[in-house]
Amino acid sequence: MRHRLILALGSNDADAPHLLNEAAAMMSDVLSIEKTTRQLRSQAINHGSGMFTNMMIEASTTLDYQPLLGALKQIERRIGRVHDTGGAVKMDIDILQYDGTKCHIGDWESPYIQTLLEELKS
């Protein structure tokens, strides 16, 4: 069975545009990317101050939710994600929607999420 999903990717690293592209390329092992948005700079939400570069991906996968989540967290680590580093986030990948079920509910109202969702719809 193929599962439909929407992912949000973000980084506040100086090399964020390259890291977002690298993460998307690594995902080809676990999902089929159907559509990507542009990269959008936005103010950090719930993560101190500073700017993040964000993008969203619409995709499908044969993986169930937990194995997919594990694979995405592994990609974060391969890119250099380390938790509790005083605000630096090399890569954050969140599953926003999985088979029509919304995840990370608080993120859905964020302006950058709304903007990038509109891009996925068009």
PDB file of N, CA and C in Angstrom:
ATOM      1  N   MET A   1       0.840  -1.180   0.000  1.00  0.00           N
ATOM      2  CA  MET A   1       0.000   0.000   0.000  1.00  0.00           C
ATOM      3  C   MET A   1       0.887   1.245   0.000  1.00  0.00           C
ATOM      4  N   ARG A   2       0.517   2.218  -0.801  1.00  0.00           N
ATOM      5  CA  ARG A   2       1.252   3.485  -0.847  1.00  0.00           C
ATOM      6  C   ARG A   2       0.565   4.485   0.064  1.00  0.00           C
ATOM      7  N   HIS A   3       1.362   5.133   0.879  1.00  0.00           N
ATOM      8  CA  HIS A   3       0.878   6.149   1.803  1.00  0.00           C
ATOM      9  C   HIS A   3       1.233   7.526   1.252  1.00  0.00           C
ATOM     10  N   ARG A   4       0.303   8.465   1.365  1.00  0.00           N
ATOM     11  CA  ARG A   4       0.512   9.841   0.896  1.00  0.00           C
ATOM     12  C   ARG A   4       0.949  10.694   2.072  1.00  0.00           C
ATOM     13  N   LEU A   5       1.901  11.589   1.830  1.00  0.00           N
ATOM     14  CA  LEU A   5       2.392  12.407   2.919  1.00  0.00           C
ATOM     15  C   LEU A   5       2.855  13.775   2.456  1.00  0.00           C
ATOM     16  N   ILE A   6       2.925  14.675   3.435  1.00  0.00           N
ATOM     17  CA  ILE A   6       3.490  16.003   3.237  1.00  0.00           C
ATOM     18  C   ILE A   6       4.544  16.189   4.316  1.00  0.00           C
ATOM     19  N   LEU A   7       5.728  16.593   3.894  1.00  0.00           N
ATOM     20  CA  LEU A   7       6.844  16.817   4.802  1.00  0.00           C
ATOM     21  C   LEU A   7       7.213  18.293   4.817  1.00  0.00           C
ATOM     22  N   ALA A   8       7.659  18.767   5.984  1.00  0.00           N
ATOM     23  CA  ALA A   8       8.221  20.110   6.114  1.00  0.00           C
ATOM     24  C   ALA A   8       9.685  19.949   6.488  1.00  0.00           C
ATOM     25  N   LEU A   9      10.546  20.641   5.763  1.00  0.00           N
ATOM     26  CA  LEU A   9      11.978  20.611   6.026  1.00  0.00           C
ATOM     27  C   LEU A   9      12.426  22.010   6.398  1.00  0.00           C
ATOM     28  N   GLY A  10      13.362  22.113   7.332  1.00  0.00           N
ATOM     29  CA  GLY A  10      13.860  23.418   7.728  1.00  0.00           C
ATOM     30  C   GLY A  10      15.279  23.333   8.246  1.00  0.00           C
ATOM     31  N   SER A  11      15.994  24.443   8.101  1.00  0.00           N
ATOM     32  CA  SER A  11      17.365  24.545   8.595  1.00  0.00           C
ATOM     33  C   SER A  11      17.677  26.010   8.863  1.00  0.00           C
ATOM     34  N   ASN A  12      18.421  26.270   9.944  1.00  0.00           N
ATOM     35  CA  ASN A  12      18.912  27.629  10.166  1.00  0.00           C
ATOM     36  C   ASN A  12      20.432  27.696  10.020  1.00  0.00           C
ATOM     37  N   ASP A  13      20.997  26.716   9.368  1.00  0.00           N
ATOM     38  CA  ASP A  13      22.425  26.669   9.080  1.00  0.00           C
ATOM     39  C   ASP A  13      22.757  27.650   7.956  1.00  0.00           C
ATOM     40  N   ALA A  14      23.974  28.149   7.947  1.00  0.00           N
ATOM     41  CA  ALA A  14      24.401  29.077   6.890  1.00  0.00           C
ATOM     42  C   ALA A  14      24.316  28.429   5.509  1.00  0.00           C
ATOM     43  N   ASP A  15      24.435  27.121   5.453  1.00  0.00           N
ATOM     44  CA  ASP A  15      24.386  26.381   4.186  1.00  0.00           C
ATOM     45  C   ASP A  15      23.018  25.716   3.978  1.00  0.00           C
ATOM     46  N   ALA A  16      21.970  26.315   4.542  1.00  0.00           N
ATOM     47  CA  ALA A  16      20.632  25.710   4.526  1.00  0.00           C
ATOM     48  C   ALA A  16      20.136  25.332   3.133  1.00  0.00           C
ATOM     49  N   PRO A  17      20.255  26.188   2.110  1.00  0.00           N
ATOM     50  CA  PRO A  17      19.729  25.787   0.798  1.00  0.00           C
ATOM     51  C   PRO A  17      20.345  24.478   0.294  1.00  0.00           C
ATOM     52  N   HIS A  18      21.642  24.332   0.457  1.00  0.00           N
ATOM     53  CA  HIS A  18      22.304  23.094   0.028  1.00  0.00           C
ATOM     54  C   HIS A  18      21.836  21.908   0.884  1.00  0.00           C
ATOM     55  N   LEU A  19      21.720  22.106   2.195  1.00  0.00           N
ATOM     56  CA  LEU A  19      21.315  21.015   3.081  1.00  0.00           C
ATOM     57  C   LEU A  19      19.900  20.539   2.795  1.00  0.00           C
ATOM     58  N   LEU A  20      18.993  21.462   2.479  1.00  0.00           N
ATOM     59  CA  LEU A  20      17.621  21.062   2.138  1.00  0.00           C
ATOM     60  C   LEU A  20      17.608  20.212   0.871  1.00  0.00           C
ATOM     61  N   ASN A  21      18.383  20.605  -0.126  1.00  0.00           N
ATOM     62  CA  ASN A  21      18.463  19.817  -1.355  1.00  0.00           C
ATOM     63  C   ASN A  21      19.083  18.448  -1.094  1.00  0.00           C
ATOM     64  N   GLU A  22      20.097  18.413  -0.228  1.00  0.00           N
ATOM     65  CA  GLU A  22      20.746  17.146   0.121  1.00  0.00           C
ATOM     66  C   GLU A  22      19.759  16.209   0.821  1.00  0.00           C
ATOM     67  N   ALA A  23      18.981  16.747   1.752  1.00  0.00           N
ATOM     68  CA  ALA A  23      17.993  15.931   2.459  1.00  0.00           C
ATOM     69  C   ALA A  23      16.962  15.369   1.489  1.00  0.00           C
ATOM     70  N   ALA A  24      16.478  16.206   0.572  1.00  0.00           N
ATOM     71  CA  ALA A  24      15.491  15.738  -0.411  1.00  0.00           C
ATOM     72  C   ALA A  24      16.076  14.618  -1.266  1.00  0.00           C
ATOM     73  N   ALA A  25      17.333  14.743  -1.656  1.00  0.00           N
ATOM     74  CA  ALA A  25      17.969  13.694  -2.459  1.00  0.00           C
ATOM     75  C   ALA A  25      18.094  12.390  -1.662  1.00  0.00           C
ATOM     76  N   MET A  26      18.419  12.486  -0.384  1.00  0.00           N
ATOM     77  CA  MET A  26      18.545  11.287   0.456  1.00  0.00           C
ATOM     78  C   MET A  26      17.215  10.571   0.638  1.00  0.00           C
ATOM     79  N   MET A  27      16.122  11.296   0.542  1.00  0.00           N
ATOM     80  CA  MET A  27      14.803  10.711   0.761  1.00  0.00           C
ATOM     81  C   MET A  27      14.391   9.745  -0.341  1.00  0.00           C
ATOM     82  N   SER A  28      15.064   9.789  -1.468  1.00  0.00           N
ATOM     83  CA  SER A  28      14.665   8.931  -2.591  1.00  0.00           C
ATOM     84  C   SER A  28      14.760   7.452  -2.256  1.00  0.00           C
ATOM     85  N   ASP A  29      15.503   7.100  -1.202  1.00  0.00           N
ATOM     86  CA  ASP A  29      15.587   5.702  -0.775  1.00  0.00           C
ATOM     87  C   ASP A  29      14.320   5.236  -0.076  1.00  0.00           C
ATOM     88  N   VAL A  30      13.544   6.170   0.495  1.00  0.00           N
ATOM     89  CA  VAL A  30      12.393   5.767   1.311  1.00  0.00           C
ATOM     90  C   VAL A  30      11.058   6.291   0.806  1.00  0.00           C
ATOM     91  N   LEU A  31      11.082   7.209  -0.167  1.00  0.00           N
ATOM     92  CA  LEU A  31       9.818   7.729  -0.680  1.00  0.00           C
ATOM     93  C   LEU A  31       9.962   8.226  -2.105  1.00  0.00           C
ATOM     94  N   SER A  32       8.828   8.410  -2.748  1.00  0.00           N
ATOM     95  CA  SER A  32       8.773   8.966  -4.103  1.00  0.00           C
ATOM     96  C   SER A  32       8.295  10.401  -3.995  1.00  0.00           C
ATOM     97  N   ILE A  33       9.164  11.338  -4.342  1.00  0.00           N
ATOM     98  CA  ILE A  33       8.808  12.751  -4.279  1.00  0.00           C
ATOM     99  C   ILE A  33       7.968  13.092  -5.499  1.00  0.00           C
ATOM    100  N   GLU A  34       6.801  13.670  -5.246  1.00  0.00           N
ATOM    101  CA  GLU A  34       5.899  14.044  -6.326  1.00  0.00           C
ATOM    102  C   GLU A  34       5.927  15.539  -6.604  1.00  0.00           C
ATOM    103  N   LYS A  35       6.168  16.339  -5.547  1.00  0.00           N
ATOM    104  CA  LYS A  35       6.185  17.787  -5.729  1.00  0.00           C
ATOM    105  C   LYS A  35       6.987  18.414  -4.603  1.00  0.00           C
ATOM    106  N   THR A  36       7.741  19.450  -4.934  1.00  0.00           N
ATOM    107  CA  THR A  36       8.462  20.219  -3.930  1.00  0.00           C
ATOM    108  C   THR A  36       8.119  21.696  -4.104  1.00  0.00           C
ATOM    109  N   THR A  37       8.254  22.427  -3.021  1.00  0.00           N
ATOM    110  CA  THR A  37       8.047  23.869  -3.077  1.00  0.00           C
ATOM    111  C   THR A  37       9.401  24.557  -3.228  1.00  0.00           C
ATOM    112  N   ARG A  38       9.353  25.839  -3.402  1.00  0.00           N
ATOM    113  CA  ARG A  38      10.577  26.638  -3.362  1.00  0.00           C
ATOM    114  C   ARG A  38      11.079  26.659  -1.926  1.00  0.00           C
ATOM    115  N   GLN A  39      12.264  27.148  -1.737  1.00  0.00           N
ATOM    116  CA  GLN A  39      12.795  27.359  -0.397  1.00  0.00           C
ATOM    117  C   GLN A  39      12.409  28.761   0.044  1.00  0.00           C
ATOM    118  N   LEU A  40      11.902  28.864   1.258  1.00  0.00           N
ATOM    119  CA  LEU A  40      11.364  30.112   1.776  1.00  0.00           C
ATOM    120  C   LEU A  40      12.028  30.435   3.106  1.00  0.00           C
ATOM    121  N   ARG A  41      12.541  31.637   3.250  1.00  0.00           N
ATOM    122  CA  ARG A  41      13.137  32.086   4.516  1.00  0.00           C
ATOM    123  C   ARG A  41      12.027  32.625   5.407  1.00  0.00           C
ATOM    124  N   SER A  42      12.095  32.272   6.689  1.00  0.00           N
ATOM    125  CA  SER A  42      11.084  32.742   7.639  1.00  0.00           C
ATOM    126  C   SER A  42      11.701  32.866   9.027  1.00  0.00           C
ATOM    127  N   GLN A  43      11.042  33.634   9.849  1.00  0.00           N
ATOM    128  CA  GLN A  43      11.459  33.794  11.241  1.00  0.00           C
ATOM    129  C   GLN A  43      11.263  32.475  11.981  1.00  0.00           C
ATOM    130  N   ALA A  44      12.160  32.150  12.877  1.00  0.00           N
ATOM    131  CA  ALA A  44      12.052  30.926  13.676  1.00  0.00           C
ATOM    132  C   ALA A  44      10.776  30.935  14.502  1.00  0.00           C
ATOM    133  N   ILE A  45      10.155  29.770  14.631  1.00  0.00           N
ATOM    134  CA  ILE A  45       8.951  29.612  15.447  1.00  0.00           C
ATOM    135  C   ILE A  45       9.290  28.628  16.550  1.00  0.00           C
ATOM    136  N   ASN A  46       9.058  29.024  17.786  1.00  0.00           N
ATOM    137  CA  ASN A  46       9.334  28.163  18.947  1.00  0.00           C
ATOM    138  C   ASN A  46      10.784  27.709  18.999  1.00  0.00           C
ATOM    139  N   HIS A  47      11.686  28.533  18.486  1.00  0.00           N
ATOM    140  CA  HIS A  47      13.085  28.111  18.472  1.00  0.00           C
ATOM    141  C   HIS A  47      13.999  29.320  18.561  1.00  0.00           C
ATOM    142  N   GLY A  48      13.713  30.200  19.498  1.00  0.00           N
ATOM    143  CA  GLY A  48      14.565  31.364  19.666  1.00  0.00           C
ATOM    144  C   GLY A  48      14.405  32.343  18.530  1.00  0.00           C
ATOM    145  N   SER A  49      15.454  33.042  18.242  1.00  0.00           N
ATOM    146  CA  SER A  49      15.403  34.032  17.176  1.00  0.00           C
ATOM    147  C   SER A  49      16.193  33.539  15.971  1.00  0.00           C
ATOM    148  N   GLY A  50      16.162  34.316  14.934  1.00  0.00           N
ATOM    149  CA  GLY A  50      16.899  33.959  13.734  1.00  0.00           C
ATOM    150  C   GLY A  50      15.985  33.522  12.619  1.00  0.00           C
ATOM    151  N   MET A  51      16.603  33.260  11.498  1.00  0.00           N
ATOM    152  CA  MET A  51      15.869  32.888  10.294  1.00  0.00           C
ATOM    153  C   MET A  51      16.103  31.424   9.951  1.00  0.00           C
ATOM    154  N   PHE A  52      15.052  30.805   9.455  1.00  0.00           N
ATOM    155  CA  PHE A  52      15.119  29.442   8.942  1.00  0.00           C
ATOM    156  C   PHE A  52      14.877  29.478   7.438  1.00  0.00           C
ATOM    157  N   THR A  53      15.418  28.518   6.740  1.00  0.00           N
ATOM    158  CA  THR A  53      15.066  28.270   5.351  1.00  0.00           C
ATOM    159  C   THR A  53      14.220  27.003   5.359  1.00  0.00           C
ATOM    160  N   ASN A  54      13.049  27.080   4.733  1.00  0.00           N
ATOM    161  CA  ASN A  54      12.071  25.994   4.776  1.00  0.00           C
ATOM    162  C   ASN A  54      11.648  25.586   3.369  1.00  0.00           C
ATOM    163  N   MET A  55      11.189  24.358   3.260  1.00  0.00           N
ATOM    164  CA  MET A  55      10.548  23.884   2.042  1.00  0.00           C
ATOM    165  C   MET A  55       9.613  22.747   2.428  1.00  0.00           C
ATOM    166  N   MET A  56       8.732  22.404   1.513  1.00  0.00           N
ATOM    167  CA  MET A  56       7.814  21.292   1.747  1.00  0.00           C
ATOM    168  C   MET A  56       7.869  20.327   0.573  1.00  0.00           C
ATOM    169  N   ILE A  57       7.572  19.080   0.890  1.00  0.00           N
ATOM    170  CA  ILE A  57       7.589  18.008  -0.100  1.00  0.00           C
ATOM    171  C   ILE A  57       6.288  17.217   0.002  1.00  0.00           C
ATOM    172  N   GLU A  58       5.682  16.966  -1.139  1.00  0.00           N
ATOM    173  CA  GLU A  58       4.550  16.040  -1.226  1.00  0.00           C
ATOM    174  C   GLU A  58       5.098  14.755  -1.819  1.00  0.00           C
ATOM    175  N   ALA A  59       4.780  13.627  -1.182  1.00  0.00           N
ATOM    176  CA  ALA A  59       5.392  12.374  -1.613  1.00  0.00           C
ATOM    177  C   ALA A  59       4.490  11.192  -1.273  1.00  0.00           C
ATOM    178  N   SER A  60       4.964  10.006  -1.649  1.00  0.00           N
ATOM    179  CA  SER A  60       4.301   8.764  -1.255  1.00  0.00           C
ATOM    180  C   SER A  60       5.379   7.765  -0.855  1.00  0.00           C
ATOM    181  N   THR A  61       4.966   6.789  -0.043  1.00  0.00           N
ATOM    182  CA  THR A  61       5.903   5.775   0.440  1.00  0.00           C
ATOM    183  C   THR A  61       5.152   4.487   0.732  1.00  0.00           C
ATOM    184  N   THR A  62       5.874   3.396   0.770  1.00  0.00           N
ATOM    185  CA  THR A  62       5.287   2.123   1.203  1.00  0.00           C
ATOM    186  C   THR A  62       5.520   1.897   2.694  1.00  0.00           C
ATOM    187  N   LEU A  63       6.305   2.765   3.326  1.00  0.00           N
ATOM    188  CA  LEU A  63       6.616   2.610   4.749  1.00  0.00           C
ATOM    189  C   LEU A  63       5.445   3.043   5.623  1.00  0.00           C
ATOM    190  N   ASP A  64       5.213   2.294   6.690  1.00  0.00           N
ATOM    191  CA  ASP A  64       4.266   2.716   7.702  1.00  0.00           C
ATOM    192  C   ASP A  64       4.850   3.913   8.442  1.00  0.00           C
ATOM    193  N   TYR A  65       4.041   4.563   9.265  1.00  0.00           N
ATOM    194  CA  TYR A  65       4.427   5.826   9.893  1.00  0.00           C
ATOM    195  C   TYR A  65       5.723   5.722  10.709  1.00  0.00           C
ATOM    196  N   GLN A  66       5.802   4.784  11.633  1.00  0.00           N
ATOM    197  CA  GLN A  66       6.972   4.712  12.523  1.00  0.00           C
ATOM    198  C   GLN A  66       8.266   4.398  11.773  1.00  0.00           C
ATOM    199  N   PRO A  67       8.286   3.432  10.848  1.00  0.00           N
ATOM    200  CA  PRO A  67       9.518   3.219  10.084  1.00  0.00           C
ATOM    201  C   PRO A  67       9.901   4.440   9.236  1.00  0.00           C
ATOM    202  N   LEU A  68       8.906   5.139   8.696  1.00  0.00           N
ATOM    203  CA  LEU A  68       9.185   6.359   7.936  1.00  0.00           C
ATOM    204  C   LEU A  68       9.804   7.408   8.840  1.00  0.00           C
ATOM    205  N   LEU A  69       9.213   7.615  10.004  1.00  0.00           N
ATOM    206  CA  LEU A  69       9.743   8.589  10.957  1.00  0.00           C
ATOM    207  C   LEU A  69      11.193   8.252  11.311  1.00  0.00           C
ATOM    208  N   GLY A  70      11.470   6.996  11.561  1.00  0.00           N
ATOM    209  CA  GLY A  70      12.836   6.566  11.868  1.00  0.00           C
ATOM    210  C   GLY A  70      13.794   6.858  10.728  1.00  0.00           C
ATOM    211  N   ALA A  71      13.369   6.602   9.498  1.00  0.00           N
ATOM    212  CA  ALA A  71      14.215   6.861   8.333  1.00  0.00           C
ATOM    213  C   ALA A  71      14.494   8.355   8.173  1.00  0.00           C
ATOM    214  N   LEU A  72      13.479   9.184   8.413  1.00  0.00           N
ATOM    215  CA  LEU A  72      13.663  10.637   8.287  1.00  0.00           C
ATOM    216  C   LEU A  72      14.583  11.168   9.380  1.00  0.00           C
ATOM    217  N   LYS A  73      14.468  10.642  10.600  1.00  0.00           N
ATOM    218  CA  LYS A  73      15.354  11.069  11.690  1.00  0.00           C
ATOM    219  C   LYS A  73      16.795  10.640  11.396  1.00  0.00           C
ATOM    220  N   GLN A  74      16.955   9.501  10.739  1.00  0.00           N
ATOM    221  CA  GLN A  74      18.293   9.063  10.345  1.00  0.00           C
ATOM    222  C   GLN A  74      18.889  10.027   9.315  1.00  0.00           C
ATOM    223  N   ILE A  75      18.079  10.504   8.375  1.00  0.00           N
ATOM    224  CA  ILE A  75      18.552  11.495   7.399  1.00  0.00           C
ATOM    225  C   ILE A  75      18.979  12.773   8.121  1.00  0.00           C
ATOM    226  N   GLU A  76      18.185  13.214   9.097  1.00  0.00           N
ATOM    227  CA  GLU A  76      18.570  14.396   9.877  1.00  0.00           C
ATOM    228  C   GLU A  76      19.958  14.206  10.494  1.00  0.00           C
ATOM    229  N   ARG A  77      20.181  13.042  11.089  1.00  0.00           N
ATOM    230  CA  ARG A  77      21.478  12.777  11.735  1.00  0.00           C
ATOM    231  C   ARG A  77      22.609  12.712  10.712  1.00  0.00           C
ATOM    232  N   ARG A  78      22.362  12.108   9.557  1.00  0.00           N
ATOM    233  CA  ARG A  78      23.397  12.016   8.527  1.00  0.00           C
ATOM    234  C   ARG A  78      23.819  13.401   8.032  1.00  0.00           C
ATOM    235  N   ILE A  79      22.890  14.329   8.033  1.00  0.00           N
ATOM    236  CA  ILE A  79      23.204  15.694   7.605  1.00  0.00           C
ATOM    237  C   ILE A  79      23.894  16.476   8.722  1.00  0.00           C
ATOM    238  N   GLY A  80      23.778  16.001   9.951  1.00  0.00           N
ATOM    239  CA  GLY A  80      24.475  16.657  11.042  1.00  0.00           C
ATOM    240  C   GLY A  80      23.592  17.191  12.150  1.00  0.00           C
ATOM    241  N   ARG A  81      22.336  16.769  12.195  1.00  0.00           N
ATOM    242  CA  ARG A  81      21.425  17.235  13.243  1.00  0.00           C
ATOM    243  C   ARG A  81      21.912  16.743  14.591  1.00  0.00           C
ATOM    244  N   VAL A  82      22.074  17.672  15.499  1.00  0.00           N
ATOM    245  CA  VAL A  82      22.405  17.366  16.883  1.00  0.00           C
ATOM    246  C   VAL A  82      21.424  18.160  17.740  1.00  0.00           C
ATOM    247  N   HIS A  83      20.709  17.493  18.619  1.00  0.00           N
ATOM    248  CA  HIS A  83      19.745  18.184  19.472  1.00  0.00           C
ATOM    249  C   HIS A  83      20.475  18.918  20.598  1.00  0.00           C
ATOM    250  N   ASP A  84      19.850  19.974  21.082  1.00  0.00           N
ATOM    251  CA  ASP A  84      20.394  20.772  22.182  1.00  0.00           C
ATOM    252  C   ASP A  84      21.727  21.421  21.828  1.00  0.00           C
ATOM    253  N   THR A  85      21.760  22.082  20.684  1.00  0.00           N
ATOM    254  CA  THR A  85      22.995  22.753  20.274  1.00  0.00           C
ATOM    255  C   THR A  85      22.860  24.260  20.359  1.00  0.00           C
ATOM    256  N   GLY A  86      22.001  24.756  21.220  1.00  0.00           N
ATOM    257  CA  GLY A  86      21.882  26.192  21.414  1.00  0.00           C
ATOM    258  C   GLY A  86      21.256  26.932  20.256  1.00  0.00           C
ATOM    259  N   GLY A  87      20.328  26.306  19.563  1.00  0.00           N
ATOM    260  CA  GLY A  87      19.592  26.995  18.520  1.00  0.00           C
ATOM    261  C   GLY A  87      19.984  26.634  17.102  1.00  0.00           C
ATOM    262  N   ALA A  88      21.132  26.016  16.910  1.00  0.00           N
ATOM    263  CA  ALA A  88      21.537  25.628  15.556  1.00  0.00           C
ATOM    264  C   ALA A  88      20.815  24.341  15.157  1.00  0.00           C
ATOM    265  N   VAL A  89      20.142  24.393  14.019  1.00  0.00           N
ATOM    266  CA  VAL A  89      19.427  23.218  13.511  1.00  0.00           C
ATOM    267  C   VAL A  89      19.873  22.997  12.078  1.00  0.00           C
ATOM    268  N   LYS A  90      20.761  22.023  11.888  1.00  0.00           N
ATOM    269  CA  LYS A  90      21.219  21.732  10.528  1.00  0.00           C
ATOM    270  C   LYS A  90      20.091  21.205   9.664  1.00  0.00           C
ATOM    271  N   MET A  91      19.227  20.356  10.256  1.00  0.00           N
ATOM    272  CA  MET A  91      18.126  19.797   9.484  1.00  0.00           C
ATOM    273  C   MET A  91      17.006  19.362  10.407  1.00  0.00           C
ATOM    274  N   ASP A  92      15.807  19.785  10.077  1.00  0.00           N
ATOM    275  CA  ASP A  92      14.607  19.347  10.779  1.00  0.00           C
ATOM    276  C   ASP A  92      13.628  18.871   9.721  1.00  0.00           C
ATOM    277  N   ILE A  93      13.176  17.635   9.845  1.00  0.00           N
ATOM    278  CA  ILE A  93      12.204  17.073   8.911  1.00  0.00           C
ATOM    279  C   ILE A  93      10.999  16.627   9.732  1.00  0.00           C
ATOM    280  N   ASP A  94       9.847  17.197   9.431  1.00  0.00           N
ATOM    281  CA  ASP A  94       8.615  16.851  10.126  1.00  0.00           C
ATOM    282  C   ASP A  94       7.596  16.280   9.146  1.00  0.00           C
ATOM    283  N   ILE A  95       6.909  15.236   9.572  1.00  0.00           N
ATOM    284  CA  ILE A  95       5.786  14.705   8.802  1.00  0.00           C
ATOM    285  C   ILE A  95       4.581  15.554   9.190  1.00  0.00           C
ATOM    286  N   LEU A  96       4.093  16.360   8.251  1.00  0.00           N
ATOM    287  CA  LEU A  96       2.930  17.209   8.528  1.00  0.00           C
ATOM    288  C   LEU A  96       1.621  16.481   8.281  1.00  0.00           C
ATOM    289  N   GLN A  97       1.638  15.563   7.325  1.00  0.00           N
ATOM    290  CA  GLN A  97       0.415  14.817   7.027  1.00  0.00           C
ATOM    291  C   GLN A  97       0.803  13.429   6.547  1.00  0.00           C
ATOM    292  N   TYR A  98       0.065  12.433   7.032  1.00  0.00           N
ATOM    293  CA  TYR A  98       0.297  11.044   6.651  1.00  0.00           C
ATOM    294  C   TYR A  98      -1.066  10.415   6.398  1.00  0.00           C
ATOM    295  N   ASP A  99      -1.320  10.020   5.163  1.00  0.00           N
ATOM    296  CA  ASP A  99      -2.611   9.443   4.763  1.00  0.00           C
ATOM    297  C   ASP A  99      -3.787  10.291   5.235  1.00  0.00           C
ATOM    298  N   GLY A 100      -3.693  11.588   5.070  1.00  0.00           N
ATOM    299  CA  GLY A 100      -4.789  12.484   5.409  1.00  0.00           C
ATOM    300  C   GLY A 100      -4.859  12.886   6.869  1.00  0.00           C
ATOM    301  N   THR A 101      -4.048  12.283   7.724  1.00  0.00           N
ATOM    302  CA  THR A 101      -4.032  12.637   9.143  1.00  0.00           C
ATOM    303  C   THR A 101      -2.975  13.713   9.376  1.00  0.00           C
ATOM    304  N   LYS A 102      -3.395  14.819   9.953  1.00  0.00           N
ATOM    305  CA  LYS A 102      -2.471  15.917  10.231  1.00  0.00           C
ATOM    306  C   LYS A 102      -1.628  15.601  11.466  1.00  0.00           C
ATOM    307  N   CYS A 103      -0.356  15.912  11.372  1.00  0.00           N
ATOM    308  CA  CYS A 103       0.591  15.780  12.471  1.00  0.00           C
ATOM    309  C   CYS A 103       1.162  17.173  12.743  1.00  0.00           C
ATOM    310  N   HIS A 104       1.814  17.361  13.857  1.00  0.00           N
ATOM    311  CA  HIS A 104       2.381  18.677  14.209  1.00  0.00           C
ATOM    312  C   HIS A 104       1.315  19.761  14.033  1.00  0.00           C
ATOM    313  N   ILE A 105       0.192  19.560  14.676  1.00  0.00           N
ATOM    314  CA  ILE A 105      -0.982  20.419  14.508  1.00  0.00           C
ATOM    315  C   ILE A 105      -0.651  21.897  14.693  1.00  0.00           C
ATOM    316  N   GLY A 106       0.171  22.234  15.660  1.00  0.00           N
ATOM    317  CA  GLY A 106       0.509  23.633  15.911  1.00  0.00           C
ATOM    318  C   GLY A 106       1.222  24.311  14.757  1.00  0.00           C
ATOM    319  N   ASP A 107       1.899  23.543  13.922  1.00  0.00           N
ATOM    320  CA  ASP A 107       2.648  24.119  12.797  1.00  0.00           C
ATOM    321  C   ASP A 107       1.752  24.546  11.641  1.00  0.00           C
ATOM    322  N   TRP A 108       0.563  23.970  11.537  1.00  0.00           N
ATOM    323  CA  TRP A 108      -0.299  24.204  10.378  1.00  0.00           C
ATOM    324  C   TRP A 108      -0.708  25.668  10.216  1.00  0.00           C
ATOM    325  N   GLU A 109      -0.754  26.427  11.282  1.00  0.00           N
ATOM    326  CA  GLU A 109      -1.170  27.832  11.192  1.00  0.00           C
ATOM    327  C   GLU A 109       0.007  28.776  10.942  1.00  0.00           C
ATOM    328  N   SER A 110       1.208  28.261  10.950  1.00  0.00           N
ATOM    329  CA  SER A 110       2.378  29.105  10.709  1.00  0.00           C
ATOM    330  C   SER A 110       2.311  29.710   9.313  1.00  0.00           C
ATOM    331  N   PRO A 111       2.636  30.987   9.185  1.00  0.00           N
ATOM    332  CA  PRO A 111       2.568  31.635   7.873  1.00  0.00           C
ATOM    333  C   PRO A 111       3.378  30.920   6.790  1.00  0.00           C
ATOM    334  N   TYR A 112       4.583  30.457   7.118  1.00  0.00           N
ATOM    335  CA  TYR A 112       5.381  29.803   6.068  1.00  0.00           C
ATOM    336  C   TYR A 112       4.757  28.480   5.648  1.00  0.00           C
ATOM    337  N   ILE A 113       4.137  27.767   6.585  1.00  0.00           N
ATOM    338  CA  ILE A 113       3.461  26.509   6.236  1.00  0.00           C
ATOM    339  C   ILE A 113       2.287  26.806   5.312  1.00  0.00           C
ATOM    340  N   GLN A 114       1.492  27.803   5.642  1.00  0.00           N
ATOM    341  CA  GLN A 114       0.348  28.172   4.806  1.00  0.00           C
ATOM    342  C   GLN A 114       0.799  28.563   3.397  1.00  0.00           C
ATOM    343  N   THR A 115       1.859  29.350   3.307  1.00  0.00           N
ATOM    344  CA  THR A 115       2.374  29.779   2.002  1.00  0.00           C
ATOM    345  C   THR A 115       2.841  28.587   1.176  1.00  0.00           C
ATOM    346  N   LEU A 116       3.617  27.699   1.803  1.00  0.00           N
ATOM    347  CA  LEU A 116       4.152  26.554   1.058  1.00  0.00           C
ATOM    348  C   LEU A 116       3.071  25.522   0.742  1.00  0.00           C
ATOM    349  N   LEU A 117       2.068  25.383   1.591  1.00  0.00           N
ATOM    350  CA  LEU A 117       0.949  24.492   1.270  1.00  0.00           C
ATOM    351  C   LEU A 117       0.223  24.956   0.015  1.00  0.00           C
ATOM    352  N   GLU A 118       0.064  26.270  -0.114  1.00  0.00           N
ATOM    353  CA  GLU A 118      -0.580  26.820  -1.321  1.00  0.00           C
ATOM    354  C   GLU A 118       0.235  26.458  -2.571  1.00  0.00           C
ATOM    355  N   GLU A 119       1.550  26.485  -2.450  1.00  0.00           N
ATOM    356  CA  GLU A 119       2.396  26.089  -3.587  1.00  0.00           C
ATOM    357  C   GLU A 119       2.204  24.627  -3.938  1.00  0.00           C
ATOM    358  N   LEU A 120       2.043  23.768  -2.936  1.00  0.00           N
ATOM    359  CA  LEU A 120       1.823  22.343  -3.227  1.00  0.00           C
ATOM    360  C   LEU A 120       0.497  22.126  -3.926  1.00  0.00           C
ATOM    361  N   LYS A 121      -0.507  22.940  -3.609  1.00  0.00           N
ATOM    362  CA  LYS A 121      -1.835  22.805  -4.212  1.00  0.00           C
ATOM    363  C   LYS A 121      -1.863  23.282  -5.660  1.00  0.00           C
ATOM    364  N   SER A 122      -0.970  24.193  -6.005  1.00  0.00           N
ATOM    365  CA  SER A 122      -1.039  24.780  -7.369  1.00  0.00           C
ATOM    366  C   SER A 122      -0.316  23.945  -8.399  1.00  0.00           C
TER     367      SER A 122
END
